[in-house]
Amino acid sequence: MKKRMIYTLVVFIILVLITVWVVNLPIFGKVPEGARLERISNLSNYKDGALENLSPTPMKPDSVSYWDMIRGMIKGNKNGTPPQAIPTVKPDFSPSGKAKIIWFGHSTYLIQVDGLNILVDPVFSERPSPLSFIGSKNYKGTDFVKPEDFPALDVVLITHDHYDHLDYNSILKLKDKTKRFVTSLGVGSHLEYWGVQAEKITELVWNEDTTVGPLKFTALPARHFTGRLFKRNQTLWSAFVLQTSGNRLYLGGDSGYDTHFKKAGEEFGPFDIAILECGQYNAYWPLIHMFPEQTVQAAIDLEAKVLMPVHWGKFTLAMHDWNEPAIRVVRKAKAEQLKITTPLMGESVILDETYPSKEWWTF
């Protein structure tokens, strides 16, 4: 009996030590503290130790349990991943004279404008997960570009701190070739922990702006949440308006549908293009991600001339068919007579000139 107790105690201690080691891995980042935490705690939407959305936003309907969500994810979907490799194009990083956007799958894209390079939400790891062997693996064919392939970056823009938008290993590879990081308040805590110099980081709260050369970035509300470990909503989540010398772009990040799109359209629109999420949705979490039809309505609310749907095509993070977001968003855009561009990964969208629209996902 005594030996069994000792054995149990040893196993318990080992498990505790492993747990402590895992939760202290650098990939989880670091929650804000000190002056950064004080700035966050003074925000009007900081209540009871966490940040809140403008509208009440429960993670799930009352009728849905977390077990329902887990069971659905375990069940999976045989059409949740593509049956063959995703077609891609070798990206052209040369200046075009006009604003250029190159999508690399999910929510990662490069904007080249006014002689500057802006990379948004760079995720180039195999899985958007804290552990390299757990989670959805990127689709075959989508691993066609590496951080090392990019030219020198003037700005890395990070909308929020979820793993599919803020990738530890990508930041490590990009930080020394990036002049400036622009992000939501609190995310700088992760970046500094990973070795990004504090003077290179600009953190914005909603309705605050900063300039980088001729560019102006304005953080605006989104309807989402944040967190990399146990505590949620310790850092802010944002959409961003990018004003260039000749264009206005809306960079949506992650957001459920709400009135903030209409307000942004009235205050900053019309937009030459709105880059909006349209994947990883489900009726189990209807308020934190948009359904494709809502994505189209959000673009209309924003007074966007063109919609570019992202947040799909590279990872399976929900239960819908892998290509359902594209099918539904294109169908709705056509019904609403809204111009939509659906480039191949790596293909260039050039504002006022080239808007690829091939329905390449139909295989």
Protein backbone atom coordinates (compact mmCIF):
# COMPACT_ATOMS: atom_id res chain seq x y z
CA MET A 1 0.00 0.00 0.00
CA LYS A 2 2.83 2.39 0.90
CA LYS A 3 4.64 1.64 -2.37
CA ARG A 4 1.44 2.35 -4.30
CA MET A 5 1.04 5.70 -2.55
CA ILE A 6 4.65 6.63 -3.33
CA TYR A 7 4.20 5.58 -6.95
CA THR A 8 0.99 7.65 -7.21
CA LEU A 9 2.71 10.66 -5.66
CA VAL A 10 5.67 10.39 -8.05
CA VAL A 11 3.35 10.17 -11.06
CA PHE A 12 1.38 13.17 -9.78
CA ILE A 13 4.52 15.24 -9.31
CA ILE A 14 5.76 14.32 -12.79
CA LEU A 15 2.42 15.33 -14.32
CA VAL A 16 2.48 18.63 -12.43
CA LEU A 17 6.02 19.35 -13.62
CA ILE A 18 5.10 18.50 -17.22
CA THR A 19 2.04 20.75 -17.00
CA VAL A 20 4.09 23.63 -15.59
CA TRP A 21 6.67 23.14 -18.34
CA VAL A 22 4.04 23.07 -21.10
CA VAL A 23 2.11 26.16 -19.96
CA ASN A 24 5.38 28.07 -19.78
CA LEU A 25 6.38 27.31 -23.36
CA PRO A 26 7.11 30.58 -25.19
CA ILE A 27 4.51 29.87 -27.87
CA PHE A 28 1.75 30.78 -25.40
CA GLY A 29 3.15 34.28 -25.17
CA LYS A 30 2.73 36.54 -22.17
CA VAL A 31 -0.37 38.30 -20.86
CA PRO A 32 -0.12 42.09 -20.44
CA GLU A 33 1.22 43.49 -17.20
CA GLY A 34 2.55 46.76 -15.82
CA ALA A 35 1.86 49.91 -17.84
CA ARG A 36 0.34 47.91 -20.68
CA LEU A 37 -2.19 46.26 -18.34
CA GLU A 38 -2.97 49.62 -16.78
CA ARG A 39 -3.75 51.06 -20.20
CA ILE A 40 -6.03 48.11 -20.97
CA SER A 41 -7.82 48.31 -17.62
CA ASN A 42 -8.65 51.96 -18.28
CA LEU A 43 -10.57 51.17 -21.47
CA SER A 44 -14.34 51.65 -21.32
CA ASN A 45 -14.96 48.07 -22.51
CA TYR A 46 -12.77 46.52 -19.78
CA LYS A 47 -15.01 45.05 -17.10
CA ASP A 48 -14.54 42.42 -14.41
CA GLY A 49 -10.99 41.67 -15.49
CA ALA A 50 -11.59 41.22 -19.23
CA LEU A 51 -12.29 43.15 -22.41
CA GLU A 52 -15.79 43.06 -23.91
CA ASN A 53 -17.40 43.54 -27.31
CA LEU A 54 -19.62 46.52 -28.07
CA SER A 55 -22.63 44.20 -28.21
CA PRO A 56 -23.29 41.25 -25.86
CA THR A 57 -21.43 38.35 -27.47
CA PRO A 58 -21.71 34.96 -25.77
CA MET A 59 -19.37 32.35 -27.19
CA LYS A 60 -22.30 30.04 -27.91
CA PRO A 61 -26.11 30.02 -27.73
CA ASP A 62 -27.64 28.84 -24.47
CA SER A 63 -29.07 25.82 -26.28
CA VAL A 64 -25.57 24.61 -27.26
CA SER A 65 -23.23 22.90 -24.80
CA TYR A 66 -19.47 22.72 -25.06
CA TRP A 67 -19.90 18.97 -25.31
CA ASP A 68 -22.05 19.52 -28.43
CA MET A 69 -19.20 21.51 -29.96
CA ILE A 70 -16.55 18.95 -29.01
CA ARG A 71 -18.67 16.08 -30.29
CA GLY A 72 -19.22 17.89 -33.60
CA MET A 73 -15.49 18.50 -34.04
CA ILE A 74 -14.67 14.88 -33.20
CA LYS A 75 -17.25 13.64 -35.70
CA GLY A 76 -15.65 15.73 -38.40
CA ASN A 77 -16.68 16.03 -42.03
CA LYS A 78 -15.40 13.84 -44.86
CA ASN A 79 -15.54 16.92 -47.10
CA GLY A 80 -13.78 19.11 -44.55
CA THR A 81 -10.47 18.91 -46.44
CA PRO A 82 -9.88 19.17 -50.21
CA PRO A 83 -9.51 15.91 -52.17
CA GLN A 84 -6.35 17.14 -53.91
CA ALA A 85 -3.64 19.74 -53.60
CA ILE A 86 -4.71 23.38 -53.63
CA PRO A 87 -3.53 25.18 -56.80
CA THR A 88 -1.24 28.13 -56.15
CA VAL A 89 0.74 30.73 -58.08
CA LYS A 90 4.31 31.80 -57.44
CA PRO A 91 3.92 35.27 -55.92
CA ASP A 92 5.26 38.30 -57.74
CA PHE A 93 6.74 40.68 -55.17
CA SER A 94 7.80 43.33 -57.69
CA PRO A 95 6.10 46.76 -57.38
CA SER A 96 3.13 47.29 -59.69
CA GLY A 97 2.64 51.05 -59.44
CA LYS A 98 -0.78 50.43 -57.94
CA ALA A 99 -1.86 48.86 -54.66
CA LYS A 100 -1.31 45.10 -54.82
CA ILE A 101 -2.66 42.36 -52.53
CA ILE A 102 -1.35 38.78 -52.49
CA TRP A 103 -3.21 36.15 -50.44
CA PHE A 104 -1.39 33.16 -48.94
CA GLY A 105 -4.37 31.29 -47.51
CA HIS A 106 -6.50 31.77 -44.41
CA SER A 107 -5.99 35.36 -43.20
CA THR A 108 -2.42 35.95 -44.33
CA TYR A 109 -1.85 38.45 -47.15
CA LEU A 110 0.72 40.97 -48.32
CA ILE A 111 -0.20 44.51 -49.32
CA GLN A 112 2.26 46.40 -51.50
CA VAL A 113 1.41 50.07 -51.81
CA ASP A 114 3.23 53.43 -51.93
CA GLY A 115 6.55 51.58 -52.06
CA LEU A 116 5.90 49.78 -48.76
CA ASN A 117 5.31 46.12 -47.87
CA ILE A 118 2.64 45.29 -45.27
CA LEU A 119 2.16 41.67 -44.21
CA VAL A 120 -1.08 40.91 -42.37
CA ASP A 121 -1.54 38.11 -39.80
CA PRO A 122 1.39 35.97 -40.97
CA VAL A 123 0.89 32.25 -40.29
CA PHE A 124 3.30 29.92 -42.09
CA SER A 125 3.48 27.03 -39.63
CA GLU A 126 2.02 23.65 -40.52
CA ARG A 127 -0.68 23.96 -37.86
CA PRO A 128 -2.29 27.00 -36.17
CA SER A 129 -1.82 25.35 -32.79
CA PRO A 130 0.31 25.75 -29.66
CA LEU A 131 1.79 22.28 -30.20
CA SER A 132 3.19 21.27 -33.59
CA PHE A 133 1.64 17.79 -33.49
CA ILE A 134 -1.90 18.82 -32.48
CA GLY A 135 -4.58 20.54 -34.54
CA SER A 136 -5.62 21.00 -38.14
CA LYS A 137 -2.79 20.63 -40.64
CA ASN A 138 -2.54 23.00 -43.58
CA TYR A 139 -4.01 21.67 -46.81
CA LYS A 140 -1.73 20.00 -49.31
CA GLY A 141 -0.27 22.57 -51.66
CA THR A 142 -0.72 25.58 -49.36
CA ASP A 143 2.80 25.40 -47.94
CA PHE A 144 4.19 27.15 -51.01
CA VAL A 145 5.83 30.19 -49.45
CA LYS A 146 8.13 30.66 -46.45
CA PRO A 147 8.85 33.71 -44.28
CA GLU A 148 12.33 33.76 -45.78
CA ASP A 149 10.84 34.31 -49.26
CA PHE A 150 9.45 37.75 -48.46
CA PRO A 151 11.18 41.01 -49.23
CA ALA A 152 12.02 43.36 -46.37
CA LEU A 153 8.81 44.29 -44.56
CA ASP A 154 7.87 47.80 -43.52
CA VAL A 155 4.92 46.66 -41.40
CA VAL A 156 3.61 43.41 -39.96
CA LEU A 157 -0.01 44.03 -38.98
CA ILE A 158 -1.57 41.66 -36.44
CA THR A 159 -5.30 41.94 -35.80
CA HIS A 160 -5.43 39.76 -32.65
CA ASP A 161 -3.57 37.05 -30.78
CA HIS A 162 -5.25 33.78 -31.83
CA TYR A 163 -2.91 31.10 -33.18
CA ASP A 164 -4.33 31.31 -36.72
CA HIS A 165 -3.44 35.04 -36.82
CA LEU A 166 -0.40 35.33 -34.55
CA ASP A 167 2.08 32.53 -35.23
CA TYR A 168 5.05 32.28 -32.89
CA ASN A 169 7.44 30.61 -35.34
CA SER A 170 6.55 33.00 -38.16
CA ILE A 171 7.20 36.00 -35.92
CA LEU A 172 10.61 34.61 -34.96
CA LYS A 173 11.54 34.38 -38.64
CA LEU A 174 10.10 37.77 -39.61
CA LYS A 175 11.02 40.01 -36.69
CA ASP A 176 14.51 40.91 -37.90
CA LYS A 177 13.33 41.77 -41.42
CA THR A 178 10.39 43.90 -40.21
CA LYS A 179 10.72 47.60 -39.42
CA ARG A 180 7.48 47.97 -37.48
CA PHE A 181 4.69 45.93 -35.93
CA VAL A 182 1.21 47.47 -35.74
CA THR A 183 -1.34 45.60 -33.67
CA SER A 184 -4.15 45.70 -31.12
CA LEU A 185 -3.42 46.77 -27.56
CA GLY A 186 -1.95 43.97 -25.49
CA VAL A 187 -0.57 41.89 -28.34
CA GLY A 188 2.74 43.68 -27.92
CA SER A 189 3.22 41.70 -24.71
CA HIS A 190 3.56 38.51 -26.77
CA LEU A 191 5.81 40.18 -29.33
CA GLU A 192 8.21 41.58 -26.74
CA TYR A 193 8.36 38.20 -25.00
CA TRP A 194 9.43 36.71 -28.34
CA GLY A 195 12.22 39.20 -28.85
CA VAL A 196 10.64 41.99 -30.87
CA GLN A 197 12.09 45.31 -29.75
CA ALA A 198 9.56 47.45 -27.89
CA GLU A 199 10.33 50.51 -30.00
CA LYS A 200 9.23 48.61 -33.12
CA ILE A 201 5.75 47.89 -31.73
CA THR A 202 2.73 50.18 -32.02
CA GLU A 203 -0.40 49.02 -30.16
CA LEU A 204 -3.72 50.67 -30.91
CA VAL A 205 -7.09 50.79 -29.20
CA TRP A 206 -10.32 51.17 -31.13
CA ASN A 207 -10.59 54.49 -33.00
CA GLU A 208 -6.88 55.22 -32.52
CA ASP A 209 -4.53 55.63 -35.48
CA THR A 210 -0.86 55.68 -36.41
CA THR A 211 1.10 56.56 -39.52
CA VAL A 212 3.91 54.74 -41.28
CA GLY A 213 5.30 56.94 -44.02
CA PRO A 214 2.37 57.86 -46.29
CA LEU A 215 0.14 55.18 -44.74
CA LYS A 216 -2.41 55.65 -41.98
CA PHE A 217 -3.68 52.71 -39.91
CA THR A 218 -6.82 53.11 -37.79
CA ALA A 219 -7.97 50.39 -35.39
CA LEU A 220 -11.73 49.87 -35.30
CA PRO A 221 -14.05 47.60 -33.31
CA ALA A 222 -14.60 44.00 -34.33
CA ARG A 223 -16.83 41.37 -32.72
CA HIS A 224 -14.62 38.56 -31.54
CA PHE A 225 -12.45 37.49 -28.58
CA THR A 226 -8.81 36.72 -27.77
CA GLY A 227 -6.59 34.42 -25.72
CA ARG A 228 -3.78 31.90 -26.18
CA LEU A 229 -4.01 29.85 -22.98
CA PHE A 230 -6.58 29.88 -20.17
CA LYS A 231 -7.63 33.53 -19.76
CA ARG A 232 -9.68 35.09 -22.53
CA ASN A 233 -9.95 38.72 -23.58
CA GLN A 234 -6.83 40.04 -21.89
CA THR A 235 -5.74 41.60 -25.20
CA LEU A 236 -7.77 43.57 -27.72
CA TRP A 237 -9.06 42.41 -31.12
CA SER A 238 -9.50 44.86 -33.99
CA ALA A 239 -10.29 45.54 -37.60
CA PHE A 240 -8.08 48.10 -39.33
CA VAL A 241 -8.62 50.82 -41.91
CA LEU A 242 -5.60 51.36 -44.14
CA GLN A 243 -5.53 54.71 -45.91
CA THR A 244 -2.88 55.04 -48.62
CA SER A 245 -2.07 57.89 -50.97
CA GLY A 246 -4.81 56.74 -53.32
CA ASN A 247 -6.93 54.03 -51.72
CA ARG A 248 -8.87 52.99 -48.64
CA LEU A 249 -8.78 49.36 -47.54
CA TYR A 250 -10.76 47.68 -44.78
CA LEU A 251 -8.82 44.85 -43.14
CA GLY A 252 -11.42 42.96 -41.16
CA GLY A 253 -9.49 40.43 -39.09
CA ASP A 254 -11.97 38.14 -37.34
CA SER A 255 -15.45 39.40 -36.55
CA GLY A 256 -19.03 38.33 -36.20
CA TYR A 257 -21.61 40.46 -37.95
CA ASP A 258 -22.83 43.60 -36.14
CA THR A 259 -23.56 47.29 -36.60
CA HIS A 260 -19.87 48.26 -36.49
CA PHE A 261 -19.55 47.57 -40.22
CA LYS A 262 -22.23 50.10 -41.06
CA LYS A 263 -20.63 52.66 -38.77
CA ALA A 264 -17.20 52.13 -40.34
CA GLY A 265 -18.70 52.54 -43.81
CA GLU A 266 -20.36 55.80 -42.83
CA GLU A 267 -17.24 57.20 -41.17
CA PHE A 268 -14.45 55.91 -43.43
CA GLY A 269 -16.09 54.60 -46.59
CA PRO A 270 -16.41 54.05 -49.39
CA PHE A 271 -13.64 51.47 -49.43
CA ASP A 272 -11.81 50.37 -52.56
CA ILE A 273 -11.73 46.86 -51.13
CA ALA A 274 -12.90 45.07 -47.99
CA ILE A 275 -10.91 41.99 -46.95
CA LEU A 276 -13.30 40.05 -44.74
CA GLU A 277 -13.50 36.65 -43.09
CA CYS A 278 -15.97 34.17 -44.54
CA GLY A 279 -14.90 30.79 -43.15
CA GLN A 280 -14.73 28.76 -39.91
CA TYR A 281 -18.35 29.57 -39.03
CA ASN A 282 -20.96 27.36 -37.37
CA ALA A 283 -24.36 27.70 -35.73
CA TYR A 284 -22.60 26.62 -32.52
CA TRP A 285 -20.68 29.95 -32.45
CA PRO A 286 -22.80 32.32 -34.58
CA LEU A 287 -21.71 35.64 -33.07
CA ILE A 288 -17.90 35.49 -33.28
CA HIS A 289 -17.56 34.55 -36.97
CA MET A 290 -19.65 35.51 -39.99
CA PHE A 291 -21.57 33.22 -42.26
CA PRO A 292 -20.72 33.91 -45.93
CA GLU A 293 -23.98 35.74 -46.57
CA GLN A 294 -23.22 38.04 -43.64
CA THR A 295 -19.77 38.67 -45.13
CA VAL A 296 -21.44 40.05 -48.26
CA GLN A 297 -23.77 42.20 -46.18
CA ALA A 298 -20.82 43.51 -44.18
CA ALA A 299 -19.10 44.55 -47.41
CA ILE A 300 -22.27 46.35 -48.49
CA ASP A 301 -22.49 48.06 -45.09
CA LEU A 302 -18.87 49.17 -45.52
CA GLU A 303 -19.68 50.65 -48.94
CA ALA A 304 -16.91 48.50 -50.39
CA LYS A 305 -16.40 48.54 -54.14
CA VAL A 306 -14.88 45.05 -54.04
CA LEU A 307 -15.02 42.18 -51.55
CA MET A 308 -12.08 39.82 -51.03
CA PRO A 309 -13.07 36.88 -48.77
CA VAL A 310 -10.38 35.31 -46.58
CA HIS A 311 -10.16 33.10 -43.44
CA TRP A 312 -10.68 29.94 -45.47
CA GLY A 313 -8.85 27.66 -47.91
CA LYS A 314 -5.89 26.53 -45.78
CA PHE A 315 -7.04 25.01 -42.47
CA THR A 316 -10.09 23.13 -41.20
CA LEU A 317 -11.16 24.96 -38.05
CA ALA A 318 -14.91 24.35 -38.32
CA MET A 319 -17.29 21.64 -39.53
CA HIS A 320 -18.38 22.94 -42.93
CA ASP A 321 -17.08 21.61 -46.27
CA TRP A 322 -13.67 23.08 -47.03
CA ASN A 323 -14.93 25.01 -50.09
CA GLU A 324 -18.42 25.90 -48.80
CA PRO A 325 -17.37 29.43 -47.75
CA ALA A 326 -16.29 30.31 -51.29
CA ILE A 327 -19.37 28.75 -52.89
CA ARG A 328 -21.77 30.58 -50.62
CA VAL A 329 -20.03 33.95 -50.61
CA VAL A 330 -19.74 34.05 -54.41
CA ARG A 331 -23.38 33.06 -54.82
CA LYS A 332 -24.54 35.79 -52.45
CA ALA A 333 -22.24 38.44 -53.96
CA LYS A 334 -23.65 37.70 -57.41
CA ALA A 335 -27.20 37.95 -56.08
CA GLU A 336 -26.39 41.34 -54.54
CA GLN A 337 -24.43 42.47 -57.62
CA LEU A 338 -21.37 43.07 -55.46
CA LYS A 339 -17.99 42.76 -57.15
CA ILE A 340 -15.93 39.99 -55.59
CA THR A 341 -12.38 38.82 -56.17
CA THR A 342 -11.28 35.27 -55.40
CA PRO A 343 -7.59 34.96 -56.26
CA LEU A 344 -5.56 31.80 -56.17
CA MET A 345 -3.10 31.76 -53.32
CA GLY A 346 -0.08 33.69 -54.52
CA GLU A 347 -2.01 35.49 -57.27
CA SER A 348 -1.97 39.30 -57.36
CA VAL A 349 -5.02 41.50 -56.89
CA ILE A 350 -4.21 44.97 -58.23
CA LEU A 351 -6.65 47.68 -57.21
CA ASP A 352 -8.45 49.42 -60.08
CA GLU A 353 -6.87 46.97 -62.49
CA THR A 354 -6.88 43.21 -61.82
CA TYR A 355 -9.49 41.28 -59.81
CA PRO A 356 -9.09 37.50 -60.34
CA SER A 357 -12.40 35.68 -60.07
CA LYS A 358 -11.80 32.14 -61.25
CA GLU A 359 -13.78 29.62 -59.18
CA TRP A 360 -10.72 27.43 -58.65
CA TRP A 361 -12.17 25.49 -55.70
CA THR A 362 -14.63 23.47 -57.81
CA PHE A 363 -12.84 20.12 -57.84
